[in-house]
Amino acid sequence: MTGNCYWYKTCPTCGEGRLFIVEDLSRQRLYLHCEEDELGFEDPLDLKSPDKVFLTLDFDYPCRFADWETISAQGWEEFATHSVDLAQAPKLC
């Protein structure tokens, strides 16, 4: 694995996990994925809305860490506040 993956901030639900920007390949959309509690947030502006969260384990779809080109194309640059090398990223999907 080479390259970077990007994350926004610490999960407001568990207070521990990083919210990685992930691409749902089946619907060509981005969402935030918590590495600790496996919760997903479709809109970074709704992080404090409990009715806007979903359990990523309840869905079976292909996904990957979003690359910078995808993040930029979907207008999520402001949420890519941190990066980590893909080789050190948590397991996804």
PDB file of N, CA and C in Angstrom:
ATOM      1  N   MET A   1       0.825  -1.183   0.000  1.00  0.00           N
ATOM      2  CA  MET A   1       0.000   0.000   0.000  1.00  0.00           C
ATOM      3  C   MET A   1       0.870   1.248   0.000  1.00  0.00           C
ATOM      4  N   THR A   2       0.534   2.152  -0.867  1.00  0.00           N
ATOM      5  CA  THR A   2       1.240   3.423  -0.873  1.00  0.00           C
ATOM      6  C   THR A   2       0.224   4.554  -0.920  1.00  0.00           C
ATOM      7  N   GLY A   3       0.636   5.715  -0.496  1.00  0.00           N
ATOM      8  CA  GLY A   3      -0.250   6.873  -0.501  1.00  0.00           C
ATOM      9  C   GLY A   3      -0.749   7.189   0.893  1.00  0.00           C
ATOM     10  N   ASN A   4      -1.662   8.128   0.945  1.00  0.00           N
ATOM     11  CA  ASN A   4      -2.216   8.566   2.221  1.00  0.00           C
ATOM     12  C   ASN A   4      -3.718   8.350   2.269  1.00  0.00           C
ATOM     13  N   CYS A   5      -4.228   8.260   3.470  1.00  0.00           N
ATOM     14  CA  CYS A   5      -5.662   8.344   3.690  1.00  0.00           C
ATOM     15  C   CYS A   5      -5.878   9.521   4.633  1.00  0.00           C
ATOM     16  N   TYR A   6      -7.079  10.048   4.622  1.00  0.00           N
ATOM     17  CA  TYR A   6      -7.348  11.304   5.296  1.00  0.00           C
ATOM     18  C   TYR A   6      -8.434  11.131   6.351  1.00  0.00           C
ATOM     19  N   TRP A   7      -8.273  11.890   7.430  1.00  0.00           N
ATOM     20  CA  TRP A   7      -9.284  11.857   8.476  1.00  0.00           C
ATOM     21  C   TRP A   7      -9.571  13.267   8.963  1.00  0.00           C
ATOM     22  N   TYR A   8     -10.738  13.410   9.585  1.00  0.00           N
ATOM     23  CA  TYR A   8     -11.251  14.719   9.952  1.00  0.00           C
ATOM     24  C   TYR A   8     -10.938  15.071  11.405  1.00  0.00           C
ATOM     25  N   LYS A   9     -11.562  14.377  12.324  1.00  0.00           N
ATOM     26  CA  LYS A   9     -11.386  14.642  13.751  1.00  0.00           C
ATOM     27  C   LYS A   9     -11.753  13.402  14.530  1.00  0.00           C
ATOM     28  N   THR A  10     -11.684  13.500  15.839  1.00  0.00           N
ATOM     29  CA  THR A  10     -12.058  12.379  16.704  1.00  0.00           C
ATOM     30  C   THR A  10     -13.574  12.219  16.708  1.00  0.00           C
ATOM     31  N   CYS A  11     -14.014  10.999  16.758  1.00  0.00           N
ATOM     32  CA  CYS A  11     -15.434  10.677  16.746  1.00  0.00           C
ATOM     33  C   CYS A  11     -16.141  11.295  17.963  1.00  0.00           C
ATOM     34  N   PRO A  12     -17.233  12.032  17.740  1.00  0.00           N
ATOM     35  CA  PRO A  12     -17.952  12.631  18.856  1.00  0.00           C
ATOM     36  C   PRO A  12     -18.745  11.605  19.668  1.00  0.00           C
ATOM     37  N   THR A  13     -18.966  10.436  19.105  1.00  0.00           N
ATOM     38  CA  THR A  13     -19.747   9.410  19.799  1.00  0.00           C
ATOM     39  C   THR A  13     -18.898   8.632  20.805  1.00  0.00           C
ATOM     40  N   CYS A  14     -17.752   8.136  20.367  1.00  0.00           N
ATOM     41  CA  CYS A  14     -16.910   7.342  21.270  1.00  0.00           C
ATOM     42  C   CYS A  14     -15.785   8.160  21.897  1.00  0.00           C
ATOM     43  N   GLY A  15     -15.418   9.264  21.258  1.00  0.00           N
ATOM     44  CA  GLY A  15     -14.363  10.120  21.783  1.00  0.00           C
ATOM     45  C   GLY A  15     -12.955   9.582  21.605  1.00  0.00           C
ATOM     46  N   GLU A  16     -12.800   8.490  20.878  1.00  0.00           N
ATOM     47  CA  GLU A  16     -11.489   7.868  20.716  1.00  0.00           C
ATOM     48  C   GLU A  16     -11.068   7.678  19.267  1.00  0.00           C
ATOM     49  N   GLY A  17     -11.956   7.191  18.436  1.00  0.00           N
ATOM     50  CA  GLY A  17     -11.601   6.845  17.070  1.00  0.00           C
ATOM     51  C   GLY A  17     -11.482   8.043  16.147  1.00  0.00           C
ATOM     52  N   ARG A  18     -10.627   7.889  15.145  1.00  0.00           N
ATOM     53  CA  ARG A  18     -10.506   8.910  14.113  1.00  0.00           C
ATOM     54  C   ARG A  18     -11.589   8.697  13.066  1.00  0.00           C
ATOM     55  N   LEU A  19     -12.124   9.776  12.551  1.00  0.00           N
ATOM     56  CA  LEU A  19     -13.139   9.714  11.510  1.00  0.00           C
ATOM     57  C   LEU A  19     -12.465   9.809  10.151  1.00  0.00           C
ATOM     58  N   PHE A  20     -12.268   8.655   9.531  1.00  0.00           N
ATOM     59  CA  PHE A  20     -11.621   8.593   8.222  1.00  0.00           C
ATOM     60  C   PHE A  20     -12.621   8.895   7.116  1.00  0.00           C
ATOM     61  N   ILE A  21     -12.126   9.546   6.074  1.00  0.00           N
ATOM     62  CA  ILE A  21     -12.963   9.813   4.905  1.00  0.00           C
ATOM     63  C   ILE A  21     -12.898   8.590   4.002  1.00  0.00           C
ATOM     64  N   VAL A  22     -14.063   7.979   3.811  1.00  0.00           N
ATOM     65  CA  VAL A  22     -14.163   6.712   3.085  1.00  0.00           C
ATOM     66  C   VAL A  22     -15.093   6.904   1.889  1.00  0.00           C
ATOM     67  N   GLU A  23     -14.774   6.215   0.814  1.00  0.00           N
ATOM     68  CA  GLU A  23     -15.606   6.253  -0.377  1.00  0.00           C
ATOM     69  C   GLU A  23     -16.412   4.965  -0.487  1.00  0.00           C
ATOM     70  N   ASP A  24     -17.727   5.101  -0.540  1.00  0.00           N
ATOM     71  CA  ASP A  24     -18.629   3.985  -0.819  1.00  0.00           C
ATOM     72  C   ASP A  24     -18.637   3.838  -2.336  1.00  0.00           C
ATOM     73  N   LEU A  25     -18.004   2.801  -2.835  1.00  0.00           N
ATOM     74  CA  LEU A  25     -17.842   2.619  -4.281  1.00  0.00           C
ATOM     75  C   LEU A  25     -19.135   2.252  -4.990  1.00  0.00           C
ATOM     76  N   SER A  26     -20.091   1.690  -4.280  1.00  0.00           N
ATOM     77  CA  SER A  26     -21.347   1.298  -4.919  1.00  0.00           C
ATOM     78  C   SER A  26     -22.246   2.498  -5.191  1.00  0.00           C
ATOM     79  N   ARG A  27     -22.122   3.539  -4.360  1.00  0.00           N
ATOM     80  CA  ARG A  27     -22.959   4.732  -4.552  1.00  0.00           C
ATOM     81  C   ARG A  27     -22.145   5.988  -4.884  1.00  0.00           C
ATOM     82  N   GLN A  28     -20.849   5.831  -5.053  1.00  0.00           N
ATOM     83  CA  GLN A  28     -19.955   6.944  -5.360  1.00  0.00           C
ATOM     84  C   GLN A  28     -20.193   8.134  -4.429  1.00  0.00           C
ATOM     85  N   ARG A  29     -20.180   7.852  -3.130  1.00  0.00           N
ATOM     86  CA  ARG A  29     -20.354   8.905  -2.140  1.00  0.00           C
ATOM     87  C   ARG A  29     -19.291   8.776  -1.063  1.00  0.00           C
ATOM     88  N   LEU A  30     -19.035   9.851  -0.368  1.00  0.00           N
ATOM     89  CA  LEU A  30     -18.103   9.839   0.746  1.00  0.00           C
ATOM     90  C   LEU A  30     -18.871   9.825   2.056  1.00  0.00           C
ATOM     91  N   TYR A  31     -18.238   9.269   3.067  1.00  0.00           N
ATOM     92  CA  TYR A  31     -18.775   9.343   4.418  1.00  0.00           C
ATOM     93  C   TYR A  31     -17.615   9.280   5.398  1.00  0.00           C
ATOM     94  N   LEU A  32     -17.866   9.641   6.636  1.00  0.00           N
ATOM     95  CA  LEU A  32     -16.862   9.540   7.693  1.00  0.00           C
ATOM     96  C   LEU A  32     -17.061   8.230   8.422  1.00  0.00           C
ATOM     97  N   HIS A  33     -15.978   7.516   8.642  1.00  0.00           N
ATOM     98  CA  HIS A  33     -16.016   6.175   9.241  1.00  0.00           C
ATOM     99  C   HIS A  33     -15.140   6.180  10.490  1.00  0.00           C
ATOM    100  N   CYS A  34     -15.734   5.879  11.647  1.00  0.00           N
ATOM    101  CA  CYS A  34     -14.972   5.814  12.888  1.00  0.00           C
ATOM    102  C   CYS A  34     -14.250   4.476  12.991  1.00  0.00           C
ATOM    103  N   GLU A  35     -12.951   4.551  13.224  1.00  0.00           N
ATOM    104  CA  GLU A  35     -12.143   3.337  13.308  1.00  0.00           C
ATOM    105  C   GLU A  35     -12.411   2.523  14.565  1.00  0.00           C
ATOM    106  N   GLU A  36     -12.989   3.126  15.587  1.00  0.00           N
ATOM    107  CA  GLU A  36     -13.212   2.423  16.855  1.00  0.00           C
ATOM    108  C   GLU A  36     -14.589   1.792  16.957  1.00  0.00           C
ATOM    109  N   ASP A  37     -15.642   2.588  16.796  1.00  0.00           N
ATOM    110  CA  ASP A  37     -16.986   2.053  17.006  1.00  0.00           C
ATOM    111  C   ASP A  37     -17.722   1.711  15.719  1.00  0.00           C
ATOM    112  N   GLU A  38     -17.025   1.854  14.568  1.00  0.00           N
ATOM    113  CA  GLU A  38     -17.560   1.478  13.248  1.00  0.00           C
ATOM    114  C   GLU A  38     -18.821   2.257  12.871  1.00  0.00           C
ATOM    115  N   LEU A  39     -18.985   3.455  13.424  1.00  0.00           N
ATOM    116  CA  LEU A  39     -20.119   4.289  13.050  1.00  0.00           C
ATOM    117  C   LEU A  39     -19.768   5.102  11.818  1.00  0.00           C
ATOM    118  N   GLY A  40     -20.783   5.426  11.035  1.00  0.00           N
ATOM    119  CA  GLY A  40     -20.596   6.227   9.844  1.00  0.00           C
ATOM    120  C   GLY A  40     -21.451   7.483   9.895  1.00  0.00           C
ATOM    121  N   PHE A  41     -20.951   8.519   9.279  1.00  0.00           N
ATOM    122  CA  PHE A  41     -21.644   9.797   9.199  1.00  0.00           C
ATOM    123  C   PHE A  41     -21.617  10.245   7.748  1.00  0.00           C
ATOM    124  N   GLU A  42     -22.784  10.417   7.122  1.00  0.00           N
ATOM    125  CA  GLU A  42     -22.833  10.797   5.713  1.00  0.00           C
ATOM    126  C   GLU A  42     -22.484  12.263   5.495  1.00  0.00           C
ATOM    127  N   ASP A  43     -22.742  13.099   6.481  1.00  0.00           N
ATOM    128  CA  ASP A  43     -22.473  14.525   6.344  1.00  0.00           C
ATOM    129  C   ASP A  43     -21.648  14.991   7.540  1.00  0.00           C
ATOM    130  N   PRO A  44     -20.452  15.488   7.304  1.00  0.00           N
ATOM    131  CA  PRO A  44     -19.610  15.944   8.413  1.00  0.00           C
ATOM    132  C   PRO A  44     -20.247  17.041   9.252  1.00  0.00           C
ATOM    133  N   LEU A  45     -21.215  17.744   8.702  1.00  0.00           N
ATOM    134  CA  LEU A  45     -21.883  18.809   9.448  1.00  0.00           C
ATOM    135  C   LEU A  45     -22.940  18.268  10.402  1.00  0.00           C
ATOM    136  N   ASP A  46     -23.247  16.976  10.314  1.00  0.00           N
ATOM    137  CA  ASP A  46     -24.262  16.346  11.166  1.00  0.00           C
ATOM    138  C   ASP A  46     -23.660  15.456  12.246  1.00  0.00           C
ATOM    139  N   LEU A  47     -22.428  15.695  12.640  1.00  0.00           N
ATOM    140  CA  LEU A  47     -21.762  14.801  13.598  1.00  0.00           C
ATOM    141  C   LEU A  47     -22.453  14.738  14.955  1.00  0.00           C
ATOM    142  N   LYS A  48     -23.175  15.760  15.323  1.00  0.00           N
ATOM    143  CA  LYS A  48     -23.819  15.769  16.638  1.00  0.00           C
ATOM    144  C   LYS A  48     -25.293  15.397  16.561  1.00  0.00           C
ATOM    145  N   SER A  49     -25.745  14.956  15.402  1.00  0.00           N
ATOM    146  CA  SER A  49     -27.143  14.552  15.231  1.00  0.00           C
ATOM    147  C   SER A  49     -27.247  13.040  15.320  1.00  0.00           C
ATOM    148  N   PRO A  50     -27.776  12.515  16.443  1.00  0.00           N
ATOM    149  CA  PRO A  50     -27.826  11.053  16.616  1.00  0.00           C
ATOM    150  C   PRO A  50     -28.661  10.330  15.564  1.00  0.00           C
ATOM    151  N   ASP A  51     -29.605  11.003  14.945  1.00  0.00           N
ATOM    152  CA  ASP A  51     -30.439  10.361  13.934  1.00  0.00           C
ATOM    153  C   ASP A  51     -29.751  10.304  12.567  1.00  0.00           C
ATOM    154  N   LYS A  52     -28.567  10.868  12.446  1.00  0.00           N
ATOM    155  CA  LYS A  52     -27.832  10.888  11.181  1.00  0.00           C
ATOM    156  C   LYS A  52     -26.675   9.890  11.146  1.00  0.00           C
ATOM    157  N   VAL A  53     -26.532   9.084  12.169  1.00  0.00           N
ATOM    158  CA  VAL A  53     -25.426   8.135  12.257  1.00  0.00           C
ATOM    159  C   VAL A  53     -25.905   6.737  11.826  1.00  0.00           C
ATOM    160  N   PHE A  54     -24.991   5.939  11.285  1.00  0.00           N
ATOM    161  CA  PHE A  54     -25.346   4.560  10.935  1.00  0.00           C
ATOM    162  C   PHE A  54     -24.197   3.640  11.314  1.00  0.00           C
ATOM    163  N   LEU A  55     -24.505   2.394  11.539  1.00  0.00           N
ATOM    164  CA  LEU A  55     -23.498   1.383  11.854  1.00  0.00           C
ATOM    165  C   LEU A  55     -22.993   0.805  10.544  1.00  0.00           C
ATOM    166  N   THR A  56     -21.731   1.029  10.254  1.00  0.00           N
ATOM    167  CA  THR A  56     -21.177   0.605   8.965  1.00  0.00           C
ATOM    168  C   THR A  56     -21.206  -0.906   8.791  1.00  0.00           C
ATOM    169  N   LEU A  57     -21.182  -1.646   9.885  1.00  0.00           N
ATOM    170  CA  LEU A  57     -21.189  -3.113   9.812  1.00  0.00           C
ATOM    171  C   LEU A  57     -22.529  -3.667   9.329  1.00  0.00           C
ATOM    172  N   ASP A  58     -23.580  -2.827   9.352  1.00  0.00           N
ATOM    173  CA  ASP A  58     -24.898  -3.255   8.887  1.00  0.00           C
ATOM    174  C   ASP A  58     -25.012  -3.266   7.366  1.00  0.00           C
ATOM    175  N   PHE A  59     -24.007  -2.770   6.681  1.00  0.00           N
ATOM    176  CA  PHE A  59     -24.056  -2.649   5.229  1.00  0.00           C
ATOM    177  C   PHE A  59     -22.882  -3.394   4.607  1.00  0.00           C
ATOM    178  N   ASP A  60     -23.159  -4.004   3.475  1.00  0.00           N
ATOM    179  CA  ASP A  60     -22.121  -4.739   2.763  1.00  0.00           C
ATOM    180  C   ASP A  60     -21.940  -4.102   1.385  1.00  0.00           C
ATOM    181  N   TYR A  61     -20.964  -3.237   1.279  1.00  0.00           N
ATOM    182  CA  TYR A  61     -20.683  -2.568   0.021  1.00  0.00           C
ATOM    183  C   TYR A  61     -19.180  -2.384  -0.102  1.00  0.00           C
ATOM    184  N   PRO A  62     -18.699  -2.317  -1.326  1.00  0.00           N
ATOM    185  CA  PRO A  62     -17.256  -2.094  -1.502  1.00  0.00           C
ATOM    186  C   PRO A  62     -16.911  -0.656  -1.114  1.00  0.00           C
ATOM    187  N   CYS A  63     -15.820  -0.516  -0.412  1.00  0.00           N
ATOM    188  CA  CYS A  63     -15.391   0.818  -0.009  1.00  0.00           C
ATOM    189  C   CYS A  63     -13.871   0.863   0.073  1.00  0.00           C
ATOM    190  N   ARG A  64     -13.368   2.079   0.152  1.00  0.00           N
ATOM    191  CA  ARG A  64     -11.931   2.285   0.275  1.00  0.00           C
ATOM    192  C   ARG A  64     -11.703   3.651   0.917  1.00  0.00           C
ATOM    193  N   PHE A  65     -10.503   3.868   1.419  1.00  0.00           N
ATOM    194  CA  PHE A  65     -10.159   5.193   1.899  1.00  0.00           C
ATOM    195  C   PHE A  65     -10.145   6.122   0.690  1.00  0.00           C
ATOM    196  N   ALA A  66     -10.777   7.262   0.817  1.00  0.00           N
ATOM    197  CA  ALA A  66     -10.846   8.201  -0.302  1.00  0.00           C
ATOM    198  C   ALA A  66      -9.480   8.819  -0.563  1.00  0.00           C
ATOM    199  N   ASP A  67      -9.118   8.906  -1.824  1.00  0.00           N
ATOM    200  CA  ASP A  67      -7.866   9.578  -2.183  1.00  0.00           C
ATOM    201  C   ASP A  67      -8.142  11.077  -2.331  1.00  0.00           C
ATOM    202  N   TRP A  68      -7.057  11.853  -2.430  1.00  0.00           N
ATOM    203  CA  TRP A  68      -7.205  13.302  -2.474  1.00  0.00           C
ATOM    204  C   TRP A  68      -8.031  13.759  -3.671  1.00  0.00           C
ATOM    205  N   GLU A  69      -7.874  13.107  -4.816  1.00  0.00           N
ATOM    206  CA  GLU A  69      -8.614  13.496  -6.009  1.00  0.00           C
ATOM    207  C   GLU A  69     -10.117  13.365  -5.795  1.00  0.00           C
ATOM    208  N   THR A  70     -10.534  12.281  -5.162  1.00  0.00           N
ATOM    209  CA  THR A  70     -11.956  12.066  -4.893  1.00  0.00           C
ATOM    210  C   THR A  70     -12.466  13.059  -3.852  1.00  0.00           C
ATOM    211  N   ILE A  71     -11.685  13.272  -2.815  1.00  0.00           N
ATOM    212  CA  ILE A  71     -12.061  14.235  -1.766  1.00  0.00           C
ATOM    213  C   ILE A  71     -12.249  15.618  -2.383  1.00  0.00           C
ATOM    214  N   SER A  72     -11.334  16.013  -3.219  1.00  0.00           N
ATOM    215  CA  SER A  72     -11.397  17.323  -3.864  1.00  0.00           C
ATOM    216  C   SER A  72     -12.591  17.419  -4.819  1.00  0.00           C
ATOM    217  N   ALA A  73     -12.806  16.382  -5.603  1.00  0.00           N
ATOM    218  CA  ALA A  73     -13.903  16.385  -6.571  1.00  0.00           C
ATOM    219  C   ALA A  73     -15.266  16.488  -5.899  1.00  0.00           C
ATOM    220  N   GLN A  74     -15.374  15.964  -4.665  1.00  0.00           N
ATOM    221  CA  GLN A  74     -16.656  16.005  -3.963  1.00  0.00           C
ATOM    222  C   GLN A  74     -16.744  17.160  -2.969  1.00  0.00           C
ATOM    223  N   GLY A  75     -15.741  18.038  -2.972  1.00  0.00           N
ATOM    224  CA  GLY A  75     -15.790  19.227  -2.139  1.00  0.00           C
ATOM    225  C   GLY A  75     -15.587  18.993  -0.648  1.00  0.00           C
ATOM    226  N   TRP A  76     -14.860  17.943  -0.295  1.00  0.00           N
ATOM    227  CA  TRP A  76     -14.630  17.602   1.113  1.00  0.00           C
ATOM    228  C   TRP A  76     -13.238  18.026   1.603  1.00  0.00           C
ATOM    229  N   GLU A  77     -12.539  18.890   0.891  1.00  0.00           N
ATOM    230  CA  GLU A  77     -11.179  19.261   1.282  1.00  0.00           C
ATOM    231  C   GLU A  77     -11.102  19.791   2.715  1.00  0.00           C
ATOM    232  N   GLU A  78     -12.082  20.572   3.123  1.00  0.00           N
ATOM    233  CA  GLU A  78     -12.035  21.165   4.462  1.00  0.00           C
ATOM    234  C   GLU A  78     -12.125  20.116   5.580  1.00  0.00           C
ATOM    235  N   PHE A  79     -12.573  18.922   5.244  1.00  0.00           N
ATOM    236  CA  PHE A  79     -12.703  17.858   6.242  1.00  0.00           C
ATOM    237  C   PHE A  79     -11.491  16.921   6.261  1.00  0.00           C
ATOM    238  N   ALA A  80     -10.605  17.072   5.307  1.00  0.00           N
ATOM    239  CA  ALA A  80      -9.377  16.255   5.259  1.00  0.00           C
ATOM    240  C   ALA A  80      -8.283  16.985   6.029  1.00  0.00           C
ATOM    241  N   THR A  81      -8.461  17.088   7.339  1.00  0.00           N
ATOM    242  CA  THR A  81      -7.558  17.903   8.157  1.00  0.00           C
ATOM    243  C   THR A  81      -6.308  17.162   8.613  1.00  0.00           C
ATOM    244  N   HIS A  82      -6.305  15.833   8.518  1.00  0.00           N
ATOM    245  CA  HIS A  82      -5.157  15.019   8.923  1.00  0.00           C
ATOM    246  C   HIS A  82      -4.949  13.921   7.882  1.00  0.00           C
ATOM    247  N   SER A  83      -3.729  13.411   7.814  1.00  0.00           N
ATOM    248  CA  SER A  83      -3.477  12.276   6.923  1.00  0.00           C
ATOM    249  C   SER A  83      -2.557  11.281   7.617  1.00  0.00           C
ATOM    250  N   VAL A  84      -2.627  10.055   7.146  1.00  0.00           N
ATOM    251  CA  VAL A  84      -1.783   8.976   7.638  1.00  0.00           C
ATOM    252  C   VAL A  84      -1.447   8.098   6.442  1.00  0.00           C
ATOM    253  N   ASP A  85      -0.266   7.513   6.464  1.00  0.00           N
ATOM    254  CA  ASP A  85       0.135   6.609   5.399  1.00  0.00           C
ATOM    255  C   ASP A  85      -0.809   5.404   5.373  1.00  0.00           C
ATOM    256  N   LEU A  86      -1.208   5.007   4.195  1.00  0.00           N
ATOM    257  CA  LEU A  86      -2.124   3.869   4.058  1.00  0.00           C
ATOM    258  C   LEU A  86      -1.608   2.609   4.748  1.00  0.00           C
ATOM    259  N   ALA A  87      -0.308   2.432   4.767  1.00  0.00           N
ATOM    260  CA  ALA A  87       0.270   1.243   5.404  1.00  0.00           C
ATOM    261  C   ALA A  87       0.019   1.229   6.911  1.00  0.00           C
ATOM    262  N   GLN A  88      -0.277   2.386   7.491  1.00  0.00           N
ATOM    263  CA  GLN A  88      -0.519   2.472   8.936  1.00  0.00           C
ATOM    264  C   GLN A  88      -1.993   2.719   9.255  1.00  0.00           C
ATOM    265  N   ALA A  89      -2.840   2.657   8.262  1.00  0.00           N
ATOM    266  CA  ALA A  89      -4.263   2.887   8.465  1.00  0.00           C
ATOM    267  C   ALA A  89      -4.944   1.639   9.012  1.00  0.00           C
ATOM    268  N   PRO A  90      -6.070   1.804   9.686  1.00  0.00           N
ATOM    269  CA  PRO A  90      -6.800   0.640  10.191  1.00  0.00           C
ATOM    270  C   PRO A  90      -7.413  -0.153   9.031  1.00  0.00           C
ATOM    271  N   LYS A  91      -7.773  -1.379   9.308  1.00  0.00           N
ATOM    272  CA  LYS A  91      -8.423  -2.224   8.289  1.00  0.00           C
ATOM    273  C   LYS A  91      -9.813  -1.678   8.028  1.00  0.00           C
ATOM    274  N   LEU A  92     -10.213  -1.707   6.780  1.00  0.00           N
ATOM    275  CA  LEU A  92     -11.491  -1.131   6.370  1.00  0.00           C
ATOM    276  C   LEU A  92     -12.270  -2.145   5.561  1.00  0.00           C
ATOM    277  N   CYS A  93     -13.575  -2.115   5.713  1.00  0.00           N
ATOM    278  CA  CYS A  93     -14.516  -2.957   4.945  1.00  0.00           C
ATOM    279  C   CYS A  93     -14.238  -4.428   5.177  1.00  0.00           C
TER     280      CYS A  93
END
